[in-house]
Amino acid sequence: MGEGGFGRYEREMWAVVVFAVLISVVVHGVAATPVTAYLDRRAAKAAAGKEAGEEAS
């Protein structure tokens, strides 16, 4: 990690990297629950559709 040098912009580069990682963690943390709930509802709806299709056959 300390091998390469960014010259006079080294501090700014690290600040941008840390900021991007923190924003990513927050966004993924906030989005994970609603997205998982949506996918669960979608899977349940698909399973219910398959069951209804099997009963009709």
PDB file of N, CA and C in Angstrom:
ATOM      1  N   MET A   1       0.814  -1.173   0.000  1.00  0.00           N
ATOM      2  CA  MET A   1       0.000   0.000   0.000  1.00  0.00           C
ATOM      3  C   MET A   1       0.870   1.254   0.000  1.00  0.00           C
ATOM      4  N   GLY A   2       1.973   1.219   0.686  1.00  0.00           N
ATOM      5  CA  GLY A   2       2.829   2.396   0.738  1.00  0.00           C
ATOM      6  C   GLY A   2       3.913   2.386  -0.325  1.00  0.00           C
ATOM      7  N   GLU A   3       3.804   1.518  -1.309  1.00  0.00           N
ATOM      8  CA  GLU A   3       4.850   1.385  -2.326  1.00  0.00           C
ATOM      9  C   GLU A   3       4.835   2.533  -3.331  1.00  0.00           C
ATOM     10  N   GLY A   4       3.658   2.874  -3.846  1.00  0.00           N
ATOM     11  CA  GLY A   4       3.581   3.902  -4.882  1.00  0.00           C
ATOM     12  C   GLY A   4       3.420   5.277  -4.285  1.00  0.00           C
ATOM     13  N   GLY A   5       3.866   6.243  -5.021  1.00  0.00           N
ATOM     14  CA  GLY A   5       3.708   7.613  -4.560  1.00  0.00           C
ATOM     15  C   GLY A   5       2.824   8.399  -5.514  1.00  0.00           C
ATOM     16  N   PHE A   6       2.011   9.266  -4.973  1.00  0.00           N
ATOM     17  CA  PHE A   6       1.147  10.096  -5.790  1.00  0.00           C
ATOM     18  C   PHE A   6       1.640  11.543  -5.824  1.00  0.00           C
ATOM     19  N   GLY A   7       2.850  11.731  -5.352  1.00  0.00           N
ATOM     20  CA  GLY A   7       3.402  13.073  -5.381  1.00  0.00           C
ATOM     21  C   GLY A   7       2.685  14.009  -4.444  1.00  0.00           C
ATOM     22  N   ARG A   8       2.459  15.192  -4.915  1.00  0.00           N
ATOM     23  CA  ARG A   8       1.872  16.201  -4.049  1.00  0.00           C
ATOM     24  C   ARG A   8       0.369  15.984  -3.818  1.00  0.00           C
ATOM     25  N   TYR A   9      -0.250  15.057  -4.552  1.00  0.00           N
ATOM     26  CA  TYR A   9      -1.683  14.794  -4.388  1.00  0.00           C
ATOM     27  C   TYR A   9      -1.975  13.553  -3.543  1.00  0.00           C
ATOM     28  N   GLU A  10      -0.964  13.061  -2.841  1.00  0.00           N
ATOM     29  CA  GLU A  10      -1.121  11.824  -2.094  1.00  0.00           C
ATOM     30  C   GLU A  10      -2.233  11.919  -1.034  1.00  0.00           C
ATOM     31  N   ARG A  11      -2.248  12.953  -0.253  1.00  0.00           N
ATOM     32  CA  ARG A  11      -3.272  13.097   0.789  1.00  0.00           C
ATOM     33  C   ARG A  11      -4.665  13.200   0.182  1.00  0.00           C
ATOM     34  N   GLU A  12      -4.804  13.941  -0.900  1.00  0.00           N
ATOM     35  CA  GLU A  12      -6.098  14.093  -1.550  1.00  0.00           C
ATOM     36  C   GLU A  12      -6.581  12.764  -2.126  1.00  0.00           C
ATOM     37  N   MET A  13      -5.655  11.993  -2.717  1.00  0.00           N
ATOM     38  CA  MET A  13      -6.025  10.689  -3.271  1.00  0.00           C
ATOM     39  C   MET A  13      -6.534   9.762  -2.170  1.00  0.00           C
ATOM     40  N   TRP A  14      -5.832   9.700  -1.051  1.00  0.00           N
ATOM     41  CA  TRP A  14      -6.272   8.846   0.057  1.00  0.00           C
ATOM     42  C   TRP A  14      -7.612   9.306   0.600  1.00  0.00           C
ATOM     43  N   ALA A  15      -7.816  10.613   0.659  1.00  0.00           N
ATOM     44  CA  ALA A  15      -9.094  11.141   1.144  1.00  0.00           C
ATOM     45  C   ALA A  15     -10.234  10.720   0.212  1.00  0.00           C
ATOM     46  N   VAL A  16     -10.002  10.792  -1.083  1.00  0.00           N
ATOM     47  CA  VAL A  16     -11.022  10.393  -2.058  1.00  0.00           C
ATOM     48  C   VAL A  16     -11.313   8.897  -1.940  1.00  0.00           C
ATOM     49  N   VAL A  17     -10.280   8.084  -1.803  1.00  0.00           N
ATOM     50  CA  VAL A  17     -10.462   6.634  -1.680  1.00  0.00           C
ATOM     51  C   VAL A  17     -11.245   6.292  -0.417  1.00  0.00           C
ATOM     52  N   VAL A  18     -10.855   6.859   0.697  1.00  0.00           N
ATOM     53  CA  VAL A  18     -11.550   6.582   1.954  1.00  0.00           C
ATOM     54  C   VAL A  18     -13.002   7.055   1.880  1.00  0.00           C
ATOM     55  N   PHE A  19     -13.223   8.220   1.314  1.00  0.00           N
ATOM     56  CA  PHE A  19     -14.581   8.744   1.169  1.00  0.00           C
ATOM     57  C   PHE A  19     -15.428   7.820   0.299  1.00  0.00           C
ATOM     58  N   ALA A  20     -14.880   7.362  -0.812  1.00  0.00           N
ATOM     59  CA  ALA A  20     -15.614   6.469  -1.712  1.00  0.00           C
ATOM     60  C   ALA A  20     -15.964   5.148  -1.019  1.00  0.00           C
ATOM     61  N   VAL A  21     -15.045   4.612  -0.260  1.00  0.00           N
ATOM     62  CA  VAL A  21     -15.304   3.360   0.460  1.00  0.00           C
ATOM     63  C   VAL A  21     -16.391   3.574   1.509  1.00  0.00           C
ATOM     64  N   LEU A  22     -16.320   4.654   2.246  1.00  0.00           N
ATOM     65  CA  LEU A  22     -17.339   4.926   3.265  1.00  0.00           C
ATOM     66  C   LEU A  22     -18.720   5.129   2.647  1.00  0.00           C
ATOM     67  N   ILE A  23     -18.789   5.873   1.569  1.00  0.00           N
ATOM     68  CA  ILE A  23     -20.074   6.080   0.890  1.00  0.00           C
ATOM     69  C   ILE A  23     -20.608   4.748   0.380  1.00  0.00           C
ATOM     70  N   SER A  24     -19.749   3.918  -0.170  1.00  0.00           N
ATOM     71  CA  SER A  24     -20.157   2.608  -0.675  1.00  0.00           C
ATOM     72  C   SER A  24     -20.726   1.748   0.450  1.00  0.00           C
ATOM     73  N   VAL A  25     -20.076   1.731   1.592  1.00  0.00           N
ATOM     74  CA  VAL A  25     -20.552   0.946   2.730  1.00  0.00           C
ATOM     75  C   VAL A  25     -21.923   1.445   3.177  1.00  0.00           C
ATOM     76  N   VAL A  26     -22.100   2.741   3.259  1.00  0.00           N
ATOM     77  CA  VAL A  26     -23.381   3.307   3.693  1.00  0.00           C
ATOM     78  C   VAL A  26     -24.481   2.983   2.687  1.00  0.00           C
ATOM     79  N   VAL A  27     -24.218   3.205   1.409  1.00  0.00           N
ATOM     80  CA  VAL A  27     -25.231   2.955   0.379  1.00  0.00           C
ATOM     81  C   VAL A  27     -25.617   1.475   0.352  1.00  0.00           C
ATOM     82  N   HIS A  28     -24.635   0.594   0.388  1.00  0.00           N
ATOM     83  CA  HIS A  28     -24.943  -0.835   0.364  1.00  0.00           C
ATOM     84  C   HIS A  28     -25.667  -1.266   1.644  1.00  0.00           C
ATOM     85  N   GLY A  29     -25.301  -0.691   2.751  1.00  0.00           N
ATOM     86  CA  GLY A  29     -25.978  -1.016   4.006  1.00  0.00           C
ATOM     87  C   GLY A  29     -27.425  -0.576   4.011  1.00  0.00           C
ATOM     88  N   VAL A  30     -27.704   0.595   3.480  1.00  0.00           N
ATOM     89  CA  VAL A  30     -29.071   1.114   3.438  1.00  0.00           C
ATOM     90  C   VAL A  30     -29.897   0.361   2.400  1.00  0.00           C
ATOM     91  N   ALA A  31     -29.302   0.006   1.284  1.00  0.00           N
ATOM     92  CA  ALA A  31     -30.041  -0.621   0.192  1.00  0.00           C
ATOM     93  C   ALA A  31     -30.237  -2.120   0.378  1.00  0.00           C
ATOM     94  N   ALA A  32     -29.454  -2.759   1.195  1.00  0.00           N
ATOM     95  CA  ALA A  32     -29.495  -4.218   1.296  1.00  0.00           C
ATOM     96  C   ALA A  32     -30.851  -4.733   1.767  1.00  0.00           C
ATOM     97  N   THR A  33     -31.432  -4.156   2.791  1.00  0.00           N
ATOM     98  CA  THR A  33     -32.694  -4.657   3.332  1.00  0.00           C
ATOM     99  C   THR A  33     -33.849  -4.503   2.345  1.00  0.00           C
ATOM    100  N   PRO A  34     -34.066  -3.333   1.753  1.00  0.00           N
ATOM    101  CA  PRO A  34     -35.175  -3.223   0.794  1.00  0.00           C
ATOM    102  C   PRO A  34     -34.991  -4.110  -0.443  1.00  0.00           C
ATOM    103  N   VAL A  35     -33.781  -4.213  -0.927  1.00  0.00           N
ATOM    104  CA  VAL A  35     -33.541  -5.045  -2.110  1.00  0.00           C
ATOM    105  C   VAL A  35     -33.777  -6.516  -1.780  1.00  0.00           C
ATOM    106  N   THR A  36     -33.307  -6.960  -0.635  1.00  0.00           N
ATOM    107  CA  THR A  36     -33.532  -8.345  -0.225  1.00  0.00           C
ATOM    108  C   THR A  36     -35.016  -8.623  -0.052  1.00  0.00           C
ATOM    109  N   ALA A  37     -35.750  -7.704   0.549  1.00  0.00           N
ATOM    110  CA  ALA A  37     -37.193  -7.873   0.723  1.00  0.00           C
ATOM    111  C   ALA A  37     -37.896  -7.948  -0.628  1.00  0.00           C
ATOM    112  N   TYR A  38     -37.500  -7.105  -1.567  1.00  0.00           N
ATOM    113  CA  TYR A  38     -38.078  -7.126  -2.915  1.00  0.00           C
ATOM    114  C   TYR A  38     -37.808  -8.465  -3.594  1.00  0.00           C
ATOM    115  N   LEU A  39     -36.585  -8.941  -3.505  1.00  0.00           N
ATOM    116  CA  LEU A  39     -36.248 -10.217  -4.135  1.00  0.00           C
ATOM    117  C   LEU A  39     -37.001 -11.373  -3.484  1.00  0.00           C
ATOM    118  N   ASP A  40     -37.189 -11.331  -2.176  1.00  0.00           N
ATOM    119  CA  ASP A  40     -37.963 -12.360  -1.486  1.00  0.00           C
ATOM    120  C   ASP A  40     -39.419 -12.358  -1.946  1.00  0.00           C
ATOM    121  N   ARG A  41     -40.027 -11.157  -2.055  1.00  0.00           N
ATOM    122  CA  ARG A  41     -41.405 -11.058  -2.534  1.00  0.00           C
ATOM    123  C   ARG A  41     -41.527 -11.580  -3.962  1.00  0.00           C
ATOM    124  N   ARG A  42     -40.550 -11.226  -4.786  1.00  0.00           N
ATOM    125  CA  ARG A  42     -40.562 -11.664  -6.182  1.00  0.00           C
ATOM    126  C   ARG A  42     -40.444 -13.180  -6.281  1.00  0.00           C
ATOM    127  N   ALA A  43     -39.586 -13.783  -5.478  1.00  0.00           N
ATOM    128  CA  ALA A  43     -39.417 -15.240  -5.486  1.00  0.00           C
ATOM    129  C   ALA A  43     -40.685 -15.926  -4.985  1.00  0.00           C
ATOM    130  N   ALA A  44     -41.319 -15.357  -3.952  1.00  0.00           N
ATOM    131  CA  ALA A  44     -42.558 -15.940  -3.439  1.00  0.00           C
ATOM    132  C   ALA A  44     -43.671 -15.850  -4.475  1.00  0.00           C
ATOM    133  N   LYS A  45     -43.739 -14.739  -5.183  1.00  0.00           N
ATOM    134  CA  LYS A  45     -44.751 -14.572  -6.225  1.00  0.00           C
ATOM    135  C   LYS A  45     -44.516 -15.569  -7.360  1.00  0.00           C
ATOM    136  N   ALA A  46     -43.265 -15.773  -7.739  1.00  0.00           N
ATOM    137  CA  ALA A  46     -42.939 -16.730  -8.800  1.00  0.00           C
ATOM    138  C   ALA A  46     -43.280 -18.151  -8.355  1.00  0.00           C
ATOM    139  N   ALA A  47     -42.997 -18.470  -7.101  1.00  0.00           N
ATOM    140  CA  ALA A  47     -43.314 -19.803  -6.585  1.00  0.00           C
ATOM    141  C   ALA A  47     -44.821 -20.003  -6.541  1.00  0.00           C
ATOM    142  N   ALA A  48     -45.576 -18.991  -6.154  1.00  0.00           N
ATOM    143  CA  ALA A  48     -47.036 -19.085  -6.118  1.00  0.00           C
ATOM    144  C   ALA A  48     -47.583 -19.262  -7.527  1.00  0.00           C
ATOM    145  N   GLY A  49     -46.989 -18.598  -8.497  1.00  0.00           N
ATOM    146  CA  GLY A  49     -47.407 -18.739  -9.887  1.00  0.00           C
ATOM    147  C   GLY A  49     -47.161 -20.142 -10.420  1.00  0.00           C
ATOM    148  N   LYS A  50     -46.047 -20.748 -10.051  1.00  0.00           N
ATOM    149  CA  LYS A  50     -45.741 -22.104 -10.474  1.00  0.00           C
ATOM    150  C   LYS A  50     -46.722 -23.093  -9.842  1.00  0.00           C
ATOM    151  N   GLU A  51     -47.034 -22.884  -8.566  1.00  0.00           N
ATOM    152  CA  GLU A  51     -47.982 -23.763  -7.885  1.00  0.00           C
ATOM    153  C   GLU A  51     -49.359 -23.660  -8.524  1.00  0.00           C
ATOM    154  N   ALA A  52     -49.793 -22.464  -8.869  1.00  0.00           N
ATOM    155  CA  ALA A  52     -51.090 -22.285  -9.516  1.00  0.00           C
ATOM    156  C   ALA A  52     -51.079 -22.937 -10.892  1.00  0.00           C
ATOM    157  N   GLY A  53     -49.970 -22.870 -11.580  1.00  0.00           N
ATOM    158  CA  GLY A  53     -49.845 -23.504 -12.898  1.00  0.00           C
ATOM    159  C   GLY A  53     -49.889 -25.009 -12.799  1.00  0.00           C
ATOM    160  N   GLU A  54     -49.315 -25.581 -11.754  1.00  0.00           N
ATOM    161  CA  GLU A  54     -49.328 -27.026 -11.566  1.00  0.00           C
ATOM    162  C   GLU A  54     -50.723 -27.523 -11.223  1.00  0.00           C
ATOM    163  N   GLU A  55     -51.488 -26.731 -10.459  1.00  0.00           N
ATOM    164  CA  GLU A  55     -52.841 -27.130 -10.087  1.00  0.00           C
ATOM    165  C   GLU A  55     -53.748 -27.111 -11.304  1.00  0.00           C
ATOM    166  N   ALA A  56     -53.520 -26.182 -12.223  1.00  0.00           N
ATOM    167  CA  ALA A  56     -54.360 -26.057 -13.409  1.00  0.00           C
ATOM    168  C   ALA A  56     -54.086 -27.185 -14.398  1.00  0.00           C
ATOM    169  N   SER A  57     -52.924 -27.789 -14.338  1.00  0.00           N
ATOM    170  CA  SER A  57     -52.571 -28.826 -15.305  1.00  0.00           C
ATOM    171  C   SER A  57     -53.269 -30.115 -15.082  1.00  0.00           C
TER     172      SER A  57
END
